[in-house]
Amino acid sequence: MNSKSKSELAKAAGVSRRTLYAWLQTPYMQKKLEPFQLRKRQHILPPEAVKIICEHYVIEVD
């Protein structure tokens, strides 16, 4: 899995960026992504974070 932008993930999930941002703000995702110390305005997500998000929300990324 490669680094992806939040916009790319939203497009792959078929949702708006706003919806993806809401998903990332849930307590469960906050706890899972905490080790990566992501900033709120960070656009590019590291591969490990992308993997966690894709597995949880069943997003298939090319």
Protein backbone atom coordinates (compact mmCIF):
# COMPACT_ATOMS: atom_id res chain seq x y z
CA MET A 1 0.00 0.00 0.00
CA ASN A 2 1.31 3.46 -0.91
CA SER A 3 0.82 6.87 0.64
CA LYS A 4 -2.46 8.43 -0.46
CA SER A 5 -4.11 11.79 -0.13
CA LYS A 6 -7.37 12.17 1.74
CA SER A 7 -9.00 13.21 -1.54
CA GLU A 8 -7.87 9.99 -3.24
CA LEU A 9 -9.27 7.91 -0.39
CA ALA A 10 -12.58 9.78 -0.49
CA LYS A 11 -12.86 9.24 -4.24
CA ALA A 12 -12.05 5.51 -3.89
CA ALA A 13 -14.71 5.20 -1.16
CA GLY A 14 -17.27 7.06 -3.27
CA VAL A 15 -17.86 9.74 -0.64
CA SER A 16 -17.10 13.44 -0.34
CA ARG A 17 -13.95 14.68 1.38
CA ARG A 18 -16.14 16.09 4.13
CA THR A 19 -17.58 12.62 4.83
CA LEU A 20 -14.11 11.06 4.89
CA TYR A 21 -12.94 13.75 7.33
CA ALA A 22 -15.93 12.94 9.56
CA TRP A 23 -15.02 9.25 9.44
CA LEU A 24 -11.46 10.07 10.50
CA GLN A 25 -12.74 12.04 13.49
CA THR A 26 -14.58 9.10 15.06
CA PRO A 27 -13.11 8.00 18.41
CA TYR A 28 -12.23 4.56 17.01
CA MET A 29 -10.23 5.98 14.09
CA GLN A 30 -8.61 8.62 16.28
CA LYS A 31 -7.34 5.87 18.58
CA LYS A 32 -6.13 3.70 15.68
CA LEU A 33 -4.36 6.60 13.94
CA GLU A 34 -2.90 8.13 17.10
CA PRO A 35 0.54 6.42 16.72
CA PHE A 36 1.04 8.20 13.39
CA GLN A 37 0.65 11.67 14.96
CA LEU A 38 -1.31 12.94 11.97
CA ARG A 39 -2.05 16.64 11.80
CA LYS A 40 -5.60 17.74 11.07
CA ARG A 41 -4.53 19.54 7.89
CA GLN A 42 -2.23 16.76 6.70
CA HIS A 43 -3.21 15.87 3.13
CA ILE A 44 -0.95 12.89 2.44
CA LEU A 45 -1.39 9.90 4.72
CA PRO A 46 1.38 7.35 5.36
CA PRO A 47 0.94 3.83 3.96
CA GLU A 48 0.23 2.26 7.36
CA ALA A 49 -2.57 4.75 8.07
CA VAL A 50 -4.04 4.19 4.59
CA LYS A 51 -4.06 0.43 5.25
CA ILE A 52 -5.94 0.86 8.55
CA ILE A 53 -8.52 3.19 6.99
CA CYS A 54 -9.04 0.98 3.93
CA GLU A 55 -9.45 -2.17 6.01
CA HIS A 56 -11.90 -0.57 8.42
CA TYR A 57 -14.09 1.12 5.80
CA VAL A 58 -13.56 -1.58 3.13
CA ILE A 59 -12.10 0.79 0.56
CA GLU A 60 -10.35 -0.68 -2.45
CA VAL A 61 -7.54 1.52 -3.68
CA ASP A 62 -5.67 0.77 -6.91
